[in-house]
C-alpha cells in the first residue's frame, strides 16, 4: 500500500506499470500493512494499524505460525472501536504494530483480555517490504501492468462529498 494522496498513488502506480511494460518484468504488490506484520518475530496474531485521523485507522489482521504469516481478512478502513470488537474474539496473544498501537495503547489494554504486545519502534522499512515481495514472488503472486491496481481502503474526499449529497 502506497501512502499519500490519491493522485500520488496513481502517479506511482503508473510509473511501476510503465517499468513493467518497458522491461517485460513482473511485479509484486506489497501493502505497508503486510510489511508491518513481517516485523513481528514471535507466533500469534498480528494487528497492523496505520492512523487515518479522527479515531479511524487502516488495518490488517494476520496470524504468524512457524514463521509463516497468513492474512486473516481484507485490509480495512474503520474506527478503533470496531476493530477492538473484532479482535475481542481472538484467543491467542496479539501483537500490535504501526503507529496506532502507541496512539491507542491504553484503550487497547482496557478493552482486550488477550496477552498483548506493542512493537513501538518498528516501521515497515524497505527490508520488510523486500521480504514480503520475495515471499509473494515465490508463492506466484505475480502481477503485470494490466493486473496491478490501486487498493483504496477509503473513498476520496470528492467521492465522499458526492455520496453525501
N, C-alpha and C. Protein backbone atom coordinates (compact mmCIF):
# COMPACT_ATOMS: atom_id res chain seq x y z
N UNK A 1 0.86 -1.16 0.00
CA UNK A 1 0.00 0.00 0.00
C UNK A 1 0.90 1.22 0.00
N UNK A 2 0.67 2.08 -0.92
CA UNK A 2 1.44 3.32 -1.01
C UNK A 2 0.72 4.37 -0.19
N UNK A 3 1.46 5.08 0.65
CA UNK A 3 0.87 6.16 1.44
C UNK A 3 0.91 7.44 0.63
N UNK A 4 -0.08 8.27 0.79
CA UNK A 4 -0.07 9.56 0.13
C UNK A 4 -1.42 9.89 -0.44
N UNK A 5 -1.42 10.90 -1.25
CA UNK A 5 -2.67 11.35 -1.85
C UNK A 5 -3.12 10.37 -2.92
N UNK A 6 -4.40 10.48 -3.27
CA UNK A 6 -4.92 9.62 -4.34
C UNK A 6 -4.15 9.87 -5.63
N UNK A 7 -3.84 11.13 -5.92
CA UNK A 7 -3.09 11.45 -7.13
C UNK A 7 -1.68 10.88 -7.06
N UNK A 8 -1.04 11.00 -5.91
CA UNK A 8 0.31 10.46 -5.74
C UNK A 8 0.35 8.96 -5.93
N UNK A 9 -0.65 8.27 -5.42
CA UNK A 9 -0.71 6.82 -5.57
C UNK A 9 -0.88 6.47 -7.05
N UNK A 10 -1.76 7.18 -7.74
CA UNK A 10 -1.97 6.89 -9.17
C UNK A 10 -0.69 7.15 -9.98
N UNK A 11 0.03 8.21 -9.67
CA UNK A 11 1.28 8.51 -10.37
C UNK A 11 2.31 7.42 -10.11
N UNK A 12 2.44 7.00 -8.85
CA UNK A 12 3.38 5.93 -8.51
C UNK A 12 3.05 4.63 -9.22
N UNK A 13 1.79 4.26 -9.24
CA UNK A 13 1.39 3.03 -9.93
C UNK A 13 1.61 3.12 -11.43
N UNK A 14 1.35 4.27 -12.01
CA UNK A 14 1.59 4.45 -13.44
C UNK A 14 3.07 4.27 -13.78
N UNK A 15 3.93 4.76 -12.90
CA UNK A 15 5.37 4.61 -13.10
C UNK A 15 5.77 3.14 -13.05
N UNK A 16 5.26 2.41 -12.05
CA UNK A 16 5.57 0.99 -11.93
C UNK A 16 5.05 0.22 -13.14
N UNK A 17 3.85 0.54 -13.58
CA UNK A 17 3.28 -0.12 -14.76
C UNK A 17 4.14 0.13 -16.00
N UNK A 18 4.63 1.34 -16.13
CA UNK A 18 5.49 1.66 -17.28
C UNK A 18 6.78 0.84 -17.21
N UNK A 19 7.40 0.74 -16.04
CA UNK A 19 8.60 -0.08 -15.89
C UNK A 19 8.32 -1.54 -16.27
N UNK A 20 7.18 -2.06 -15.82
CA UNK A 20 6.81 -3.44 -16.15
C UNK A 20 6.67 -3.62 -17.66
N UNK A 21 6.02 -2.68 -18.31
CA UNK A 21 5.82 -2.78 -19.76
C UNK A 21 7.13 -2.66 -20.53
N UNK A 22 7.96 -1.70 -20.15
CA UNK A 22 9.22 -1.46 -20.86
C UNK A 22 10.21 -2.61 -20.69
N UNK A 23 10.28 -3.14 -19.46
CA UNK A 23 11.26 -4.19 -19.18
C UNK A 23 10.70 -5.59 -19.34
N UNK A 24 9.40 -5.73 -19.54
CA UNK A 24 8.72 -7.02 -19.63
C UNK A 24 8.95 -7.85 -18.37
N UNK A 25 9.04 -7.17 -17.23
CA UNK A 25 9.26 -7.85 -15.95
C UNK A 25 7.97 -7.80 -15.14
N UNK A 26 7.73 -8.84 -14.35
CA UNK A 26 6.55 -8.84 -13.49
C UNK A 26 6.78 -7.97 -12.26
N UNK A 27 5.73 -7.75 -11.50
CA UNK A 27 5.86 -7.03 -10.24
C UNK A 27 5.04 -7.74 -9.17
N UNK A 28 5.28 -7.36 -7.95
CA UNK A 28 4.58 -7.91 -6.80
C UNK A 28 4.06 -6.74 -5.99
N UNK A 29 2.80 -6.79 -5.60
CA UNK A 29 2.22 -5.72 -4.79
C UNK A 29 2.42 -6.02 -3.32
N UNK A 30 2.90 -5.04 -2.58
CA UNK A 30 3.14 -5.19 -1.14
C UNK A 30 2.46 -4.04 -0.41
N UNK A 31 1.65 -4.38 0.55
CA UNK A 31 1.00 -3.39 1.39
C UNK A 31 1.90 -3.04 2.56
N UNK A 32 1.86 -1.79 2.97
CA UNK A 32 2.60 -1.38 4.17
C UNK A 32 2.09 -2.16 5.39
N UNK A 33 0.82 -2.52 5.38
CA UNK A 33 0.26 -3.31 6.48
C UNK A 33 0.90 -4.69 6.54
N UNK A 34 1.17 -5.28 5.38
CA UNK A 34 1.86 -6.57 5.34
C UNK A 34 3.30 -6.43 5.83
N UNK A 35 3.97 -5.39 5.35
CA UNK A 35 5.37 -5.17 5.75
C UNK A 35 5.46 -4.97 7.26
N UNK A 36 4.52 -4.26 7.84
CA UNK A 36 4.49 -4.10 9.30
C UNK A 36 4.34 -5.45 10.01
N UNK A 37 3.47 -6.30 9.48
CA UNK A 37 3.25 -7.62 10.10
C UNK A 37 4.54 -8.44 10.11
N UNK A 38 5.35 -8.30 9.10
CA UNK A 38 6.60 -9.07 9.00
C UNK A 38 7.65 -8.63 10.01
N UNK A 39 7.43 -7.53 10.70
CA UNK A 39 8.39 -7.09 11.72
C UNK A 39 8.28 -7.91 13.00
N UNK A 40 7.18 -8.64 13.16
CA UNK A 40 6.96 -9.44 14.38
C UNK A 40 7.70 -10.76 14.26
N UNK A 41 8.44 -11.10 15.30
CA UNK A 41 9.25 -12.32 15.27
C UNK A 41 8.57 -13.53 15.89
N UNK A 42 7.63 -13.33 16.81
CA UNK A 42 7.00 -14.45 17.53
C UNK A 42 5.69 -14.87 16.88
N UNK A 43 5.24 -16.08 17.22
CA UNK A 43 3.95 -16.58 16.74
C UNK A 43 2.81 -15.90 17.49
N UNK A 44 1.69 -15.77 16.83
CA UNK A 44 0.49 -15.18 17.42
C UNK A 44 -0.25 -14.37 16.38
N UNK A 45 -1.25 -13.66 16.82
CA UNK A 45 -1.97 -12.76 15.93
C UNK A 45 -1.22 -11.44 15.82
N UNK A 46 -1.35 -10.80 14.67
CA UNK A 46 -0.71 -9.52 14.43
C UNK A 46 -1.76 -8.57 13.89
N UNK A 47 -1.84 -7.41 14.49
CA UNK A 47 -2.74 -6.37 14.01
C UNK A 47 -1.87 -5.19 13.56
N UNK A 48 -1.79 -4.99 12.26
CA UNK A 48 -1.06 -3.85 11.69
C UNK A 48 -2.03 -2.69 11.56
N UNK A 49 -1.60 -1.52 12.05
CA UNK A 49 -2.51 -0.36 12.05
C UNK A 49 -1.76 0.90 11.64
N UNK A 50 -2.41 1.69 10.80
CA UNK A 50 -1.87 2.97 10.38
C UNK A 50 -2.94 4.03 10.63
N UNK A 51 -2.57 5.10 11.30
CA UNK A 51 -3.51 6.15 11.67
C UNK A 51 -4.12 6.82 10.45
N UNK A 52 -5.45 7.00 10.49
CA UNK A 52 -6.17 7.71 9.44
C UNK A 52 -6.90 8.92 10.00
N UNK A 53 -6.55 9.33 11.23
CA UNK A 53 -7.08 10.52 11.90
C UNK A 53 -8.54 10.33 12.36
N UNK A 54 -8.92 11.11 13.36
CA UNK A 54 -10.27 11.14 13.90
C UNK A 54 -10.75 9.78 14.39
N UNK A 55 -9.88 9.05 15.11
CA UNK A 55 -10.17 7.71 15.66
C UNK A 55 -10.37 6.66 14.58
N UNK A 56 -9.95 6.94 13.37
CA UNK A 56 -10.02 5.97 12.28
C UNK A 56 -8.63 5.43 11.98
N UNK A 57 -8.60 4.25 11.38
CA UNK A 57 -7.33 3.66 11.03
C UNK A 57 -7.48 2.71 9.86
N UNK A 58 -6.36 2.42 9.24
CA UNK A 58 -6.26 1.37 8.23
C UNK A 58 -5.66 0.18 8.96
N UNK A 59 -6.20 -1.01 8.74
CA UNK A 59 -5.66 -2.15 9.47
C UNK A 59 -5.69 -3.43 8.64
N UNK A 60 -4.86 -4.35 9.10
CA UNK A 60 -4.84 -5.71 8.58
C UNK A 60 -4.62 -6.64 9.77
N UNK A 61 -5.25 -7.81 9.73
CA UNK A 61 -5.09 -8.79 10.80
C UNK A 61 -4.44 -10.03 10.19
N UNK A 62 -3.41 -10.51 10.85
CA UNK A 62 -2.61 -11.63 10.36
C UNK A 62 -2.43 -12.64 11.48
N UNK A 63 -2.01 -13.84 11.09
CA UNK A 63 -1.59 -14.83 12.07
C UNK A 63 -0.23 -15.35 11.66
N UNK A 64 0.70 -15.39 12.63
CA UNK A 64 2.03 -15.93 12.37
C UNK A 64 2.15 -17.24 13.11
N UNK A 65 2.53 -18.27 12.37
CA UNK A 65 2.70 -19.60 12.93
C UNK A 65 3.88 -20.26 12.23
N UNK A 66 4.91 -20.60 12.99
CA UNK A 66 6.11 -21.27 12.46
C UNK A 66 6.70 -20.47 11.28
N UNK A 67 6.87 -19.17 11.49
CA UNK A 67 7.46 -18.26 10.50
C UNK A 67 6.62 -18.07 9.24
N UNK A 68 5.40 -18.53 9.22
CA UNK A 68 4.51 -18.29 8.08
C UNK A 68 3.44 -17.28 8.52
N UNK A 69 3.29 -16.22 7.74
CA UNK A 69 2.31 -15.19 8.05
C UNK A 69 1.13 -15.32 7.08
N UNK A 70 -0.06 -15.41 7.65
CA UNK A 70 -1.28 -15.55 6.87
C UNK A 70 -2.18 -14.35 7.13
N UNK A 71 -2.66 -13.73 6.05
CA UNK A 71 -3.61 -12.61 6.17
C UNK A 71 -4.98 -13.20 6.47
N UNK A 72 -5.62 -12.75 7.56
CA UNK A 72 -6.89 -13.33 8.00
C UNK A 72 -8.12 -12.60 7.47
N UNK A 73 -7.95 -11.37 6.99
CA UNK A 73 -9.10 -10.61 6.49
C UNK A 73 -8.60 -9.60 5.47
N UNK A 74 -9.52 -9.06 4.71
CA UNK A 74 -9.17 -7.99 3.79
C UNK A 74 -8.71 -6.77 4.59
N UNK A 75 -7.81 -6.01 4.02
CA UNK A 75 -7.40 -4.76 4.66
C UNK A 75 -8.63 -3.86 4.74
N UNK A 76 -8.67 -3.04 5.79
CA UNK A 76 -9.88 -2.25 6.00
C UNK A 76 -9.58 -0.87 6.55
N UNK A 77 -10.56 -0.01 6.39
CA UNK A 77 -10.60 1.33 7.00
C UNK A 77 -11.77 1.32 7.96
N UNK A 78 -11.53 1.63 9.22
CA UNK A 78 -12.60 1.62 10.21
C UNK A 78 -12.17 2.44 11.42
N UNK A 79 -13.02 2.50 12.43
CA UNK A 79 -12.63 3.20 13.65
C UNK A 79 -12.08 2.18 14.66
N UNK A 80 -11.37 2.69 15.64
CA UNK A 80 -10.68 1.82 16.60
C UNK A 80 -11.67 0.97 17.39
N UNK A 81 -12.84 1.49 17.71
CA UNK A 81 -13.81 0.72 18.48
C UNK A 81 -14.27 -0.53 17.72
N UNK A 82 -14.57 -0.38 16.44
CA UNK A 82 -15.00 -1.54 15.65
C UNK A 82 -13.88 -2.57 15.51
N UNK A 83 -12.65 -2.10 15.36
CA UNK A 83 -11.53 -3.04 15.29
C UNK A 83 -11.40 -3.81 16.59
N UNK A 84 -11.50 -3.14 17.72
CA UNK A 84 -11.37 -3.83 19.00
C UNK A 84 -12.48 -4.85 19.21
N UNK A 85 -13.69 -4.56 18.75
CA UNK A 85 -14.77 -5.54 18.81
C UNK A 85 -14.40 -6.79 18.01
N UNK A 86 -13.81 -6.58 16.86
CA UNK A 86 -13.41 -7.70 16.01
C UNK A 86 -12.29 -8.52 16.65
N UNK A 87 -11.35 -7.85 17.28
CA UNK A 87 -10.20 -8.53 17.88
C UNK A 87 -10.56 -9.24 19.18
N UNK A 88 -11.65 -8.87 19.79
CA UNK A 88 -12.04 -9.43 21.07
C UNK A 88 -12.28 -10.94 20.99
N UNK A 89 -12.57 -11.48 19.82
CA UNK A 89 -12.83 -12.91 19.66
C UNK A 89 -11.57 -13.75 19.49
N UNK A 90 -10.43 -13.12 19.30
CA UNK A 90 -9.20 -13.87 19.10
C UNK A 90 -8.72 -14.43 20.43
N UNK A 91 -8.19 -15.64 20.40
CA UNK A 91 -7.85 -16.32 21.65
C UNK A 91 -6.35 -16.32 21.98
N UNK A 92 -5.49 -16.10 21.02
CA UNK A 92 -4.04 -16.09 21.27
C UNK A 92 -3.56 -14.67 21.54
N UNK A 93 -2.27 -14.56 21.83
CA UNK A 93 -1.68 -13.25 22.04
C UNK A 93 -1.74 -12.44 20.75
N UNK A 94 -1.80 -11.13 20.91
CA UNK A 94 -1.90 -10.22 19.77
C UNK A 94 -0.75 -9.23 19.83
N UNK A 95 -0.08 -9.09 18.70
CA UNK A 95 0.98 -8.09 18.54
C UNK A 95 0.41 -6.92 17.77
N UNK A 96 0.58 -5.71 18.28
CA UNK A 96 0.13 -4.51 17.59
C UNK A 96 1.35 -3.80 17.01
N UNK A 97 1.30 -3.55 15.71
CA UNK A 97 2.39 -2.86 15.02
C UNK A 97 1.83 -1.67 14.26
N UNK A 98 2.65 -0.67 14.07
CA UNK A 98 2.21 0.54 13.39
C UNK A 98 1.96 1.64 14.40
N UNK A 99 1.75 2.84 13.90
CA UNK A 99 1.66 3.99 14.79
C UNK A 99 0.40 4.02 15.67
N UNK A 100 -0.62 3.28 15.35
CA UNK A 100 -1.84 3.28 16.17
C UNK A 100 -1.69 2.46 17.44
N UNK A 101 -0.75 1.54 17.47
CA UNK A 101 -0.52 0.77 18.69
C UNK A 101 -0.17 1.69 19.84
N UNK A 102 0.67 2.66 19.56
CA UNK A 102 1.06 3.62 20.58
C UNK A 102 -0.07 4.61 20.84
N UNK A 103 -0.70 5.06 19.78
CA UNK A 103 -1.77 6.04 19.89
C UNK A 103 -2.95 5.54 20.72
N UNK A 104 -3.32 4.28 20.56
CA UNK A 104 -4.49 3.71 21.24
C UNK A 104 -4.11 2.67 22.29
N UNK A 105 -2.89 2.70 22.78
CA UNK A 105 -2.39 1.69 23.70
C UNK A 105 -3.28 1.52 24.93
N UNK A 106 -3.63 2.59 25.59
CA UNK A 106 -4.45 2.49 26.80
C UNK A 106 -5.84 1.91 26.50
N UNK A 107 -6.44 2.34 25.41
CA UNK A 107 -7.76 1.84 25.03
C UNK A 107 -7.69 0.34 24.73
N UNK A 108 -6.67 -0.08 24.00
CA UNK A 108 -6.50 -1.49 23.65
C UNK A 108 -6.33 -2.33 24.92
N UNK A 109 -5.48 -1.86 25.83
CA UNK A 109 -5.24 -2.59 27.08
C UNK A 109 -6.50 -2.72 27.93
N UNK A 110 -7.31 -1.68 27.96
CA UNK A 110 -8.51 -1.73 28.79
C UNK A 110 -9.62 -2.57 28.16
N UNK A 111 -9.61 -2.72 26.85
CA UNK A 111 -10.70 -3.41 26.17
C UNK A 111 -10.43 -4.90 25.99
N UNK A 112 -9.22 -5.26 25.59
CA UNK A 112 -8.92 -6.65 25.25
C UNK A 112 -8.40 -7.41 26.46
N UNK A 113 -8.78 -8.67 26.54
CA UNK A 113 -8.35 -9.53 27.64
C UNK A 113 -7.17 -10.41 27.24
N UNK A 114 -6.78 -10.37 25.98
CA UNK A 114 -5.67 -11.18 25.47
C UNK A 114 -4.34 -10.73 26.05
N UNK A 115 -3.34 -11.59 25.87
CA UNK A 115 -1.97 -11.18 26.11
C UNK A 115 -1.60 -10.26 24.96
N UNK A 116 -1.18 -9.04 25.27
CA UNK A 116 -0.99 -8.01 24.25
C UNK A 116 0.45 -7.52 24.26
N UNK A 117 0.99 -7.32 23.04
CA UNK A 117 2.34 -6.79 22.89
C UNK A 117 2.30 -5.62 21.91
N UNK A 118 3.09 -4.61 22.17
CA UNK A 118 3.16 -3.44 21.29
C UNK A 118 4.58 -3.31 20.77
N UNK A 119 4.71 -3.26 19.47
CA UNK A 119 6.01 -3.04 18.84
C UNK A 119 6.11 -1.55 18.56
N UNK A 120 6.75 -0.83 19.45
CA UNK A 120 6.70 0.63 19.39
C UNK A 120 7.67 1.25 18.40
N UNK A 121 8.79 0.62 18.16
CA UNK A 121 9.82 1.26 17.34
C UNK A 121 9.96 0.65 15.95
N UNK A 122 9.04 -0.22 15.58
CA UNK A 122 9.18 -0.89 14.29
C UNK A 122 8.40 -0.14 13.21
N UNK A 123 8.97 -0.09 12.03
CA UNK A 123 8.28 0.50 10.89
C UNK A 123 8.42 -0.43 9.70
N UNK A 124 7.60 -0.19 8.71
CA UNK A 124 7.62 -1.03 7.51
C UNK A 124 8.78 -0.60 6.63
N UNK A 125 9.98 -0.91 7.04
CA UNK A 125 11.17 -0.50 6.29
C UNK A 125 11.27 -1.26 4.98
N UNK A 126 12.16 -0.80 4.14
CA UNK A 126 12.36 -1.44 2.83
C UNK A 126 12.78 -2.90 3.00
N UNK A 127 13.45 -3.22 4.11
CA UNK A 127 13.85 -4.61 4.37
C UNK A 127 12.61 -5.52 4.39
N UNK A 128 11.59 -5.10 5.13
CA UNK A 128 10.39 -5.93 5.26
C UNK A 128 9.55 -5.91 4.00
N UNK A 129 9.53 -4.80 3.30
CA UNK A 129 8.84 -4.75 2.00
C UNK A 129 9.48 -5.77 1.06
N UNK A 130 10.82 -5.83 1.06
CA UNK A 130 11.54 -6.79 0.23
C UNK A 130 11.26 -8.23 0.61
N UNK A 131 11.18 -8.51 1.91
CA UNK A 131 10.91 -9.88 2.36
C UNK A 131 9.50 -10.31 1.95
N UNK A 132 8.52 -9.42 2.13
CA UNK A 132 7.15 -9.73 1.72
C UNK A 132 7.11 -9.97 0.21
N UNK A 133 7.76 -9.10 -0.56
CA UNK A 133 7.78 -9.24 -2.02
C UNK A 133 8.42 -10.57 -2.43
N UNK A 134 9.50 -10.94 -1.79
CA UNK A 134 10.18 -12.20 -2.09
C UNK A 134 9.25 -13.39 -1.81
N UNK A 135 8.58 -13.37 -0.66
CA UNK A 135 7.65 -14.45 -0.32
C UNK A 135 6.51 -14.52 -1.33
N UNK A 136 5.94 -13.38 -1.68
CA UNK A 136 4.84 -13.37 -2.64
C UNK A 136 5.29 -13.86 -4.02
N UNK A 137 6.48 -13.45 -4.42
CA UNK A 137 7.01 -13.91 -5.71
C UNK A 137 7.15 -15.43 -5.71
N UNK A 138 7.69 -15.97 -4.62
CA UNK A 138 7.86 -17.43 -4.52
C UNK A 138 6.53 -18.17 -4.47
N UNK A 139 5.48 -17.50 -3.99
CA UNK A 139 4.15 -18.11 -3.96
C UNK A 139 3.40 -17.92 -5.28
N UNK A 140 4.02 -17.22 -6.22
CA UNK A 140 3.41 -17.00 -7.53
C UNK A 140 2.41 -15.86 -7.56
N UNK A 141 2.44 -14.99 -6.57
CA UNK A 141 1.52 -13.84 -6.53
C UNK A 141 2.12 -12.69 -7.35
N UNK A 142 2.26 -12.96 -8.63
CA UNK A 142 2.93 -12.03 -9.54
C UNK A 142 1.89 -11.27 -10.36
N UNK A 143 2.16 -9.99 -10.57
CA UNK A 143 1.25 -9.14 -11.31
C UNK A 143 1.94 -8.61 -12.57
N UNK A 144 1.12 -8.15 -13.49
CA UNK A 144 1.61 -7.45 -14.68
C UNK A 144 1.06 -6.04 -14.63
N UNK A 145 1.44 -5.24 -15.60
CA UNK A 145 0.90 -3.87 -15.62
C UNK A 145 -0.62 -3.87 -15.79
N UNK A 146 -1.16 -4.91 -16.41
CA UNK A 146 -2.61 -4.99 -16.59
C UNK A 146 -3.35 -5.39 -15.31
N UNK A 147 -2.69 -6.16 -14.44
CA UNK A 147 -3.37 -6.65 -13.24
C UNK A 147 -3.03 -5.85 -11.98
N UNK A 148 -2.06 -4.95 -12.06
CA UNK A 148 -1.69 -4.12 -10.92
C UNK A 148 -2.65 -2.94 -10.81
N UNK A 149 -3.31 -2.83 -9.68
CA UNK A 149 -4.27 -1.75 -9.45
C UNK A 149 -4.11 -1.20 -8.05
N UNK A 150 -4.54 0.02 -7.88
CA UNK A 150 -4.50 0.65 -6.55
C UNK A 150 -5.54 -0.01 -5.65
N UNK A 151 -5.20 -0.08 -4.37
CA UNK A 151 -6.13 -0.60 -3.37
C UNK A 151 -6.46 0.57 -2.44
N UNK A 152 -7.63 1.15 -2.65
CA UNK A 152 -8.06 2.26 -1.81
C UNK A 152 -8.96 1.71 -0.71
N UNK A 153 -8.59 1.94 0.53
CA UNK A 153 -9.38 1.46 1.65
C UNK A 153 -10.42 2.48 2.09
N UNK A 154 -10.29 3.68 1.60
CA UNK A 154 -11.19 4.77 1.97
C UNK A 154 -11.52 5.55 0.70
N UNK A 155 -12.74 6.04 0.62
CA UNK A 155 -13.13 6.86 -0.52
C UNK A 155 -12.38 8.19 -0.48
N UNK A 156 -12.14 8.76 -1.66
CA UNK A 156 -11.53 10.09 -1.72
C UNK A 156 -12.51 11.12 -1.19
N UNK A 157 -12.01 12.30 -0.85
CA UNK A 157 -12.89 13.37 -0.36
C UNK A 157 -13.97 13.70 -1.39
N UNK A 158 -13.62 13.72 -2.67
CA UNK A 158 -14.59 14.01 -3.72
C UNK A 158 -15.68 12.95 -3.77
N UNK A 159 -15.30 11.67 -3.63
CA UNK A 159 -16.29 10.60 -3.63
C UNK A 159 -17.21 10.70 -2.41
N UNK A 160 -16.63 11.04 -1.25
CA UNK A 160 -17.43 11.18 -0.04
C UNK A 160 -18.41 12.34 -0.17
N UNK A 161 -17.99 13.46 -0.76
CA UNK A 161 -18.87 14.61 -0.93
C UNK A 161 -20.03 14.25 -1.86
N UNK A 162 -19.76 13.52 -2.93
CA UNK A 162 -20.83 13.12 -3.86
C UNK A 162 -21.81 12.17 -3.22
N UNK A 163 -21.32 11.30 -2.34
CA UNK A 163 -22.19 10.33 -1.65
C UNK A 163 -23.11 11.04 -0.68
N UNK A 164 -22.63 12.12 -0.10
CA UNK A 164 -23.40 12.80 0.95
C UNK A 164 -24.41 13.80 0.39
N UNK A 165 -24.52 13.93 -0.91
CA UNK A 165 -25.46 14.89 -1.50
C UNK A 165 -26.90 14.39 -1.43
